[in-house]
Amino acid sequence: MGDSQFVLIQGGTVVNANESIRADVLVEDGIIRKVGENLSAPEGARVINAEGKMVMPGGIDTHTHCQMPFMGTQAVDDFYIGTKAALAGGTTMIIDFIIPQKGEKLADAYKKWKTWAEEKVCCDYSFHMAITHWDESVRKDMRLMSTEEYGINSFKMFMAYKDVFMLQDHEMLEVFKTCREIGAIGQVHAENGDVIEENQKRLLAMGITGPEGHPLSRPEEVEAEAVLRACVISNQVKCPLYVVHVMSKSAAEIIMTKRKEGAVIFGEPIAASLACNGTHYWHKCWRHAAAYVLSPPLREDEGTPDYLMDLLAQGHLQCTGTDNCTFNSSQKARGINDFTKIPNGVNGLEDRMSVIWEKGVWSGKMSPERFVDVTSTTAARIFNIYPQKGVIAPGSDADILVWDPDRTRTISAETHHHAVDFNIFEGMTVHGVAEVVLTNGKVVVENGEVNVTQGSGKFVPNLPHSPYVYDLVRTNENIRIAKEVKVERSAEDMFVDMSKLDLKPEPQEPAKPAVEPTPAGANGATAKAAPRQAENYDDPFANHRQDNRSVVDSKPVIRVRNPPGGKSSIFF
C-alpha cells in the first residue's frame, strides 16, 4: 500500500444533513474512501473508536476576520491562532474576508491576504472579497477574481462605516449587476451608515461616550432598513443576496418575508447573535461592556437569540458564521472616552459548534441533521464547494468530527485557544464537544489535545455559478420574464386624434411689469422693466403655477380612441 495513510472510524453514527446512519468511515490520504457497516481496517490503519458518538462533517465558518487591520489596530487572532482555535472546536474550514482599502486594486489586496494566510493556516480556507469603492476598473477586477485562478464567488458591500468602506446605493446596484453577470453572490453588511454617523454625533454631544453609545447609535431599525434596501436593490437585477451577521428579529423577518416572495436571499446569524444579548453594553465595568462591541450590535431584547435560533432551526435562516474579529482589552481601550473608537469585534471561532449544539440541539429546537446543515453543508452548497466539503461521503475531503453529544465543557478565556483576553461566552456550560477532529485526514484534536501544523491548510477555490444558488436564480428569472410581457398594439390601438389637440392657454390677466417705470434720473435714463415671461405653450403645469387651479380642471381635449372595454366619454 506504499505510503498511504489510512484512518478507520468505527462504530459511530454518521450524521449528514439528510440522514443519520450507523456506519464506519474509511479515510485514505485525506479523502473519504468508504462509508458502510463493518469495514475492515487496512494494514497500518489508525483505528478510532466512535461507539456512542456521532461522526459529522467538519464545521465551515462562513465569516471570519483573521489578523484584520481595522480601526487603527489589528485583530490578535492571526491565521495560525484563529484556525487552531477553529479546529479545537470542530470547525475545519474558514471563509475569511479580503477587505481592500479604498482605491486599492482587488488583486493587490488578494495577494496580501493570501500571503498572510498560506504561511499560517492549520485548516483549509477560502475568501470572500469586499468592494469598498466603485468605478469601472472594479467591475473588471471582479471578473478576474471570479476566475479559477483566484477562486472568489462572493463580494461584500458595507452599508455602514461611512467614508471608510461604505458604498452608496447606486454603487451597490453596479456591484449586484456585476455579481449577477459573473455568477457570484452579493453580500451586505446591512446598517444605514448615514443615520449611524448622525446618531454618533448626537450621543457624543450629550456626553454619552461609553459602550452603551454603540447600540444607541445603531438601533434595530437601522439594521432592518438596510436589510430591506439591500433586498430590494439586489432583487431588481436578480442577484442572489447573502446578508451577513443577522443580529435582530426585524432584520430576520424581512429576510424571511422576501424569501417567501421569491427573492434569492440567505441569512447568516452568528454564534454571538444566537447566544448573547445586548444587555452587556450597560454593564458597569467598561472592559466587560466594551468586549461585546461589534457591528451590528447585539440587541437589548433578551428574546432575540432564541428567536433567531428558532428561525435557523426552521430553515428561515440558512447557515452560521462567527464574525470572529478579536481585539484585546488594551486595544478596545482605544475608545475608552469615545465609543466610536472601540475596535469592533468578538470571538466565536472555537465555540460556535458547541454553542449552536447547546442552544439548538440540546434545547430541543433542532435535530442533529439540521445542526450539520447549518454549521457545514449549506455553507458548502452556497459557496460551491459541495460535495468536496460539507458531507461524509466517498470522495469528499476527510474533514471529520467525532462528536460527543453528551459531554460538557465550560467556556472560558482561561482555557480557550484564542489570543484575546476575554470570551463573550464566558461561564457558559455547553453540551456537545468535538472529541476527535480530522482535517484532510490527519488527526489534529484528540482528548482535548490540539496538535496542528502551521501552514498545513490549503486554499479551496469557490467557483461561480453555484448550482444551489443559481438554480434558484434561474427559476426566479423565468418567473419574472413570464410577467414582463410587452403589450402588442395595432395601428388602430396606437391612434390618437391629434387634429383635436388644443394647447392654447386660457386667457390670462396681463402680466404686470416686474419693475414699475420710474422718472428719468439726473442723467436722463429711465429704469428698465423686467422683460415679460414668454407664455409657456408646452408646459401642462403652467396654468397650475400661475393661478393655482388644478391641472385636472383645465380639461385638455386629447382623446384615446377605443380604450379597453370599448369607447368612453372620459377624457384623458
Foldseek 3Di string as FASTA:
>chain_A
DPPKAKEKEAQAWEFALVDIHGWIWIDIQQFTADTGHPDDAPPPYHYHYLHLWYKYFFFEFEEEAAQHDDLNHTFQRHQQLLQLLLLQQRHQEYEYEQEDWVPDQQVVSLVVNCVRNLQFHQHEYAYEYEQQDDDVVVLVSVLVCQDPVNFYQEYEAEQAPPPTRHDDLVRLLVVLLSSVVQQGAYEYQAFHHVQLVVQQVVCVVVVPQALVSLCVSTPPVRRLVRLLSSQVSNVVNLHAYEYPADAFPNSLVSLLVSVVVQRRYAYEHELCSLFHAQPQCPDPDRLSNLQQAAPPGGHNPPCRNLSVLLCLQVCSHFAYHHHAGHDASVQQCCRVRHNVSRTHHHHHSNCRLQSSCFSDVVVPSHPPSSSLRHRWQVVCLNLVNPPLGSGRDGGHGPFMFGKNQADKDFDFLVPRSHPYNGHNSHGDITGMGRQWTDHSRHTQHHNSHGHTDTSPHYYDRRHRNRVVRVVSSVVVVVVVVVVPDDDDDDPLQVDWPCVLFDQDDDDDDDDDFPDDWDAQDPVRDIDDTDDDDDDDSPDLCSVCVPPVDDSVVVDGATARAQDPPGDDPDRD
